[in-house]
Amino acid sequence: MSYAIIRTGGKQFPVESGQSIRVPSIDGEAGSKVDIEALVLGEGKNAKVGGGATVSATIVGHGRGDKVIVFKKKRRKQYKRKQGHRQGFTEIKIEKI
C-alpha cells in the first residue's frame, strides 16, 4: 500500500511513499524518525480505515513560511492595526506506509 491519509498538527494530508511534504511543526531534530497516525491506508476498494496504523517518516528540516499580513480597520474611527505572522513548519519525507 503506497497511499495513505495522515493526521498531524490538527490537519490531514494525503501522502505516498517517498514523498516530501510540509506539515505543522513537529518536535525533533533533522534526520530523526517519527511515526504519524494514519487514518486511511490504500485507495479504492482496497482502502482500510482506522485500525491504529502508522506511517514512518524522517524529518528533513524545520523552517518558517511566508509572511502573512493581518490588517484590521474600522472606517471613520481612525482605528488601524497591522501585524505580520510567519507560521512554522517541518518538512518530512515519507519512508514507509
N, C-alpha and C. Protein backbone atom coordinates (compact mmCIF):
# COMPACT_ATOMS: atom_id res chain seq x y z
N MET A 1 0.85 -1.18 0.00
CA MET A 1 0.00 0.00 0.00
C MET A 1 0.89 1.24 0.00
N SER A 2 0.81 2.01 -1.05
CA SER A 2 1.69 3.16 -1.13
C SER A 2 0.94 4.48 -0.97
N TYR A 3 -0.32 4.44 -0.58
CA TYR A 3 -1.11 5.65 -0.41
C TYR A 3 -1.72 5.66 0.98
N ALA A 4 -1.71 6.83 1.62
CA ALA A 4 -2.31 6.96 2.96
C ALA A 4 -2.76 8.39 3.18
N ILE A 5 -3.65 8.57 4.15
CA ILE A 5 -4.03 9.89 4.63
C ILE A 5 -3.59 9.95 6.08
N ILE A 6 -2.73 10.93 6.40
CA ILE A 6 -2.19 11.05 7.75
C ILE A 6 -2.78 12.28 8.44
N ARG A 7 -2.73 12.26 9.79
CA ARG A 7 -3.19 13.41 10.58
C ARG A 7 -2.06 13.86 11.47
N THR A 8 -1.68 15.14 11.36
CA THR A 8 -0.67 15.74 12.22
C THR A 8 -0.94 17.24 12.32
N GLY A 9 -0.77 17.78 13.50
CA GLY A 9 -1.00 19.21 13.69
C GLY A 9 -2.43 19.64 13.49
N GLY A 10 -3.39 18.72 13.68
CA GLY A 10 -4.79 19.05 13.50
C GLY A 10 -5.23 19.13 12.05
N LYS A 11 -4.36 18.71 11.12
CA LYS A 11 -4.69 18.74 9.70
C LYS A 11 -4.48 17.35 9.11
N GLN A 12 -5.06 17.12 7.94
CA GLN A 12 -4.94 15.84 7.27
C GLN A 12 -4.23 16.04 5.93
N PHE A 13 -3.35 15.09 5.59
CA PHE A 13 -2.56 15.18 4.38
C PHE A 13 -2.57 13.85 3.64
N PRO A 14 -2.84 13.85 2.31
CA PRO A 14 -2.68 12.62 1.52
C PRO A 14 -1.20 12.46 1.18
N VAL A 15 -0.64 11.26 1.40
CA VAL A 15 0.78 11.03 1.15
C VAL A 15 1.01 9.71 0.41
N GLU A 16 2.17 9.62 -0.22
CA GLU A 16 2.63 8.40 -0.88
C GLU A 16 4.06 8.13 -0.44
N SER A 17 4.52 6.91 -0.59
CA SER A 17 5.89 6.56 -0.21
C SER A 17 6.89 7.39 -1.01
N GLY A 18 7.93 7.88 -0.34
CA GLY A 18 8.97 8.66 -1.00
C GLY A 18 8.66 10.12 -1.17
N GLN A 19 7.48 10.56 -0.78
CA GLN A 19 7.06 11.95 -0.97
C GLN A 19 7.58 12.83 0.18
N SER A 20 7.92 14.09 -0.13
CA SER A 20 8.29 15.07 0.89
C SER A 20 7.17 16.10 1.00
N ILE A 21 6.74 16.39 2.23
CA ILE A 21 5.67 17.37 2.42
C ILE A 21 6.01 18.27 3.61
N ARG A 22 5.35 19.43 3.64
CA ARG A 22 5.49 20.36 4.77
C ARG A 22 4.26 20.22 5.66
N VAL A 23 4.49 19.98 6.94
CA VAL A 23 3.41 19.83 7.91
C VAL A 23 3.65 20.83 9.04
N PRO A 24 2.63 21.13 9.86
CA PRO A 24 2.86 22.00 11.02
C PRO A 24 3.98 21.44 11.89
N SER A 25 4.66 22.30 12.61
CA SER A 25 5.87 21.95 13.36
C SER A 25 5.73 20.69 14.21
N ILE A 26 6.75 19.83 14.12
CA ILE A 26 6.85 18.60 14.90
C ILE A 26 8.15 18.69 15.69
N ASP A 27 8.13 18.29 16.96
CA ASP A 27 9.33 18.27 17.77
C ASP A 27 10.28 17.20 17.26
N GLY A 28 11.55 17.51 17.19
CA GLY A 28 12.55 16.54 16.77
C GLY A 28 13.65 17.19 15.94
N GLU A 29 14.81 16.55 15.94
CA GLU A 29 15.95 17.04 15.19
C GLU A 29 15.86 16.56 13.74
N ALA A 30 16.54 17.28 12.85
CA ALA A 30 16.60 16.87 11.45
C ALA A 30 17.31 15.52 11.38
N GLY A 31 16.75 14.60 10.61
CA GLY A 31 17.31 13.27 10.47
C GLY A 31 16.70 12.23 11.39
N SER A 32 15.91 12.68 12.37
CA SER A 32 15.28 11.71 13.28
C SER A 32 14.01 11.14 12.66
N LYS A 33 13.63 9.97 13.11
CA LYS A 33 12.44 9.29 12.58
C LYS A 33 11.23 9.58 13.47
N VAL A 34 10.06 9.70 12.84
CA VAL A 34 8.81 9.90 13.57
C VAL A 34 7.75 8.97 13.00
N ASP A 35 6.82 8.57 13.85
CA ASP A 35 5.67 7.78 13.42
C ASP A 35 4.44 8.68 13.49
N ILE A 36 3.66 8.70 12.41
CA ILE A 36 2.50 9.58 12.31
C ILE A 36 1.25 8.72 12.13
N GLU A 37 0.18 9.12 12.80
CA GLU A 37 -1.10 8.37 12.74
C GLU A 37 -1.66 8.38 11.33
N ALA A 38 -2.06 7.20 10.84
CA ALA A 38 -2.68 7.08 9.52
C ALA A 38 -4.18 6.84 9.69
N LEU A 39 -4.98 7.62 8.99
CA LEU A 39 -6.43 7.48 9.06
C LEU A 39 -6.94 6.48 8.03
N VAL A 40 -6.34 6.49 6.83
CA VAL A 40 -6.74 5.60 5.74
C VAL A 40 -5.49 5.06 5.07
N LEU A 41 -5.49 3.76 4.78
CA LEU A 41 -4.39 3.14 4.04
C LEU A 41 -4.95 2.57 2.74
N GLY A 42 -4.24 2.75 1.64
CA GLY A 42 -4.70 2.25 0.35
C GLY A 42 -5.74 3.16 -0.27
N GLU A 43 -6.25 2.73 -1.42
CA GLU A 43 -7.29 3.52 -2.09
C GLU A 43 -8.25 2.61 -2.84
N GLY A 44 -9.40 3.15 -3.14
CA GLY A 44 -10.42 2.39 -3.84
C GLY A 44 -11.02 1.30 -2.97
N LYS A 45 -11.24 0.12 -3.55
CA LYS A 45 -11.84 -0.99 -2.80
C LYS A 45 -10.88 -1.60 -1.80
N ASN A 46 -9.58 -1.33 -1.95
CA ASN A 46 -8.58 -1.89 -1.06
C ASN A 46 -8.31 -0.99 0.16
N ALA A 47 -9.04 0.10 0.31
CA ALA A 47 -8.79 1.04 1.39
C ALA A 47 -9.16 0.44 2.74
N LYS A 48 -8.29 0.70 3.73
CA LYS A 48 -8.55 0.27 5.10
C LYS A 48 -8.61 1.51 5.96
N VAL A 49 -9.70 1.68 6.69
CA VAL A 49 -9.93 2.87 7.50
C VAL A 49 -9.64 2.56 8.95
N GLY A 50 -8.87 3.46 9.61
CA GLY A 50 -8.58 3.32 11.03
C GLY A 50 -7.68 2.14 11.33
N GLY A 51 -7.87 1.55 12.50
CA GLY A 51 -7.09 0.38 12.88
C GLY A 51 -5.79 0.70 13.57
N GLY A 52 -5.54 1.97 13.89
CA GLY A 52 -4.33 2.34 14.62
C GLY A 52 -3.06 2.20 13.80
N ALA A 53 -3.12 2.32 12.49
CA ALA A 53 -1.94 2.19 11.64
C ALA A 53 -1.08 3.45 11.74
N THR A 54 0.21 3.30 11.47
CA THR A 54 1.12 4.43 11.49
C THR A 54 1.92 4.48 10.20
N VAL A 55 2.45 5.65 9.91
CA VAL A 55 3.31 5.88 8.75
C VAL A 55 4.65 6.35 9.28
N SER A 56 5.74 5.76 8.79
CA SER A 56 7.09 6.15 9.22
C SER A 56 7.60 7.27 8.32
N ALA A 57 8.19 8.28 8.95
CA ALA A 57 8.71 9.42 8.21
C ALA A 57 10.01 9.89 8.84
N THR A 58 10.83 10.60 8.07
CA THR A 58 12.07 11.18 8.54
C THR A 58 11.97 12.69 8.45
N ILE A 59 12.40 13.39 9.50
CA ILE A 59 12.38 14.85 9.50
C ILE A 59 13.55 15.35 8.65
N VAL A 60 13.23 16.14 7.62
CA VAL A 60 14.25 16.70 6.73
C VAL A 60 14.77 18.01 7.30
N GLY A 61 13.87 18.85 7.81
CA GLY A 61 14.29 20.13 8.36
C GLY A 61 13.10 20.93 8.85
N HIS A 62 13.42 22.07 9.47
CA HIS A 62 12.40 22.97 10.00
C HIS A 62 12.53 24.32 9.30
N GLY A 63 11.45 25.09 9.29
CA GLY A 63 11.50 26.41 8.67
C GLY A 63 10.28 27.23 9.03
N ARG A 64 10.19 28.39 8.39
CA ARG A 64 9.05 29.26 8.60
C ARG A 64 8.51 29.66 7.24
N GLY A 65 7.19 29.71 7.14
CA GLY A 65 6.53 30.04 5.87
C GLY A 65 6.62 31.52 5.54
N ASP A 66 5.97 31.89 4.45
CA ASP A 66 5.94 33.28 4.01
C ASP A 66 5.15 34.13 5.00
N LYS A 67 5.46 35.42 5.01
CA LYS A 67 4.78 36.34 5.92
C LYS A 67 3.35 36.61 5.44
N VAL A 68 2.43 36.58 6.38
CA VAL A 68 1.02 36.90 6.11
C VAL A 68 0.72 38.18 6.88
N ILE A 69 0.16 39.17 6.20
CA ILE A 69 -0.18 40.45 6.84
C ILE A 69 -1.61 40.39 7.37
N VAL A 70 -1.76 40.72 8.66
CA VAL A 70 -3.08 40.79 9.29
C VAL A 70 -3.37 42.27 9.49
N PHE A 71 -4.41 42.78 8.81
CA PHE A 71 -4.72 44.21 8.86
C PHE A 71 -6.16 44.40 9.32
N LYS A 72 -6.35 45.17 10.39
CA LYS A 72 -7.69 45.46 10.90
C LYS A 72 -7.96 46.95 10.74
N LYS A 73 -9.19 47.29 10.37
CA LYS A 73 -9.55 48.69 10.19
C LYS A 73 -11.03 48.88 10.46
N LYS A 74 -11.36 50.00 11.11
CA LYS A 74 -12.76 50.39 11.28
C LYS A 74 -12.91 51.77 10.64
N ARG A 75 -13.80 51.82 9.68
CA ARG A 75 -13.93 53.06 8.94
C ARG A 75 -14.46 54.21 9.81
N ARG A 76 -13.96 55.40 9.52
CA ARG A 76 -14.35 56.65 10.17
C ARG A 76 -14.02 56.68 11.66
N LYS A 77 -13.23 55.77 12.19
CA LYS A 77 -12.91 55.75 13.62
C LYS A 77 -11.42 55.93 13.89
N GLN A 78 -10.62 56.15 12.84
CA GLN A 78 -9.17 56.26 12.97
C GLN A 78 -8.55 55.05 13.68
N TYR A 79 -9.10 53.85 13.41
CA TYR A 79 -8.61 52.62 14.01
C TYR A 79 -7.97 51.75 12.93
N LYS A 80 -6.65 51.53 13.05
CA LYS A 80 -5.95 50.65 12.12
C LYS A 80 -4.90 49.87 12.91
N ARG A 81 -4.79 48.57 12.63
CA ARG A 81 -3.77 47.73 13.26
C ARG A 81 -3.17 46.84 12.18
N LYS A 82 -1.86 46.81 12.11
CA LYS A 82 -1.17 45.98 11.13
C LYS A 82 -0.23 45.04 11.88
N GLN A 83 -0.31 43.75 11.54
CA GLN A 83 0.51 42.77 12.22
C GLN A 83 0.93 41.70 11.21
N GLY A 84 2.16 41.23 11.31
CA GLY A 84 2.65 40.18 10.42
C GLY A 84 2.72 38.85 11.17
N HIS A 85 2.68 37.76 10.43
CA HIS A 85 2.75 36.43 11.04
C HIS A 85 3.46 35.48 10.09
N ARG A 86 4.36 34.64 10.64
CA ARG A 86 5.03 33.59 9.87
C ARG A 86 4.82 32.27 10.60
N GLN A 87 4.17 31.33 9.95
CA GLN A 87 3.86 30.04 10.56
C GLN A 87 5.05 29.10 10.41
N GLY A 88 5.39 28.40 11.48
CA GLY A 88 6.48 27.43 11.42
C GLY A 88 6.02 26.13 10.77
N PHE A 89 6.96 25.41 10.13
CA PHE A 89 6.64 24.13 9.52
C PHE A 89 7.80 23.17 9.68
N THR A 90 7.52 21.91 9.49
CA THR A 90 8.53 20.86 9.46
C THR A 90 8.39 20.12 8.13
N GLU A 91 9.49 19.94 7.44
CA GLU A 91 9.45 19.17 6.19
C GLU A 91 9.82 17.73 6.50
N ILE A 92 8.95 16.80 6.08
CA ILE A 92 9.19 15.39 6.34
C ILE A 92 9.19 14.62 5.03
N LYS A 93 9.91 13.49 5.06
CA LYS A 93 9.93 12.58 3.90
C LYS A 93 9.32 11.27 4.34
N ILE A 94 8.29 10.82 3.62
CA ILE A 94 7.58 9.60 3.94
C ILE A 94 8.44 8.40 3.53
N GLU A 95 8.77 7.55 4.51
CA GLU A 95 9.62 6.39 4.26
C GLU A 95 8.82 5.14 3.99
N LYS A 96 7.92 4.79 4.91
CA LYS A 96 7.21 3.51 4.81
C LYS A 96 5.76 3.69 5.22
N ILE A 97 4.87 3.14 4.42
CA ILE A 97 3.44 3.17 4.75
C ILE A 97 3.01 1.78 5.16
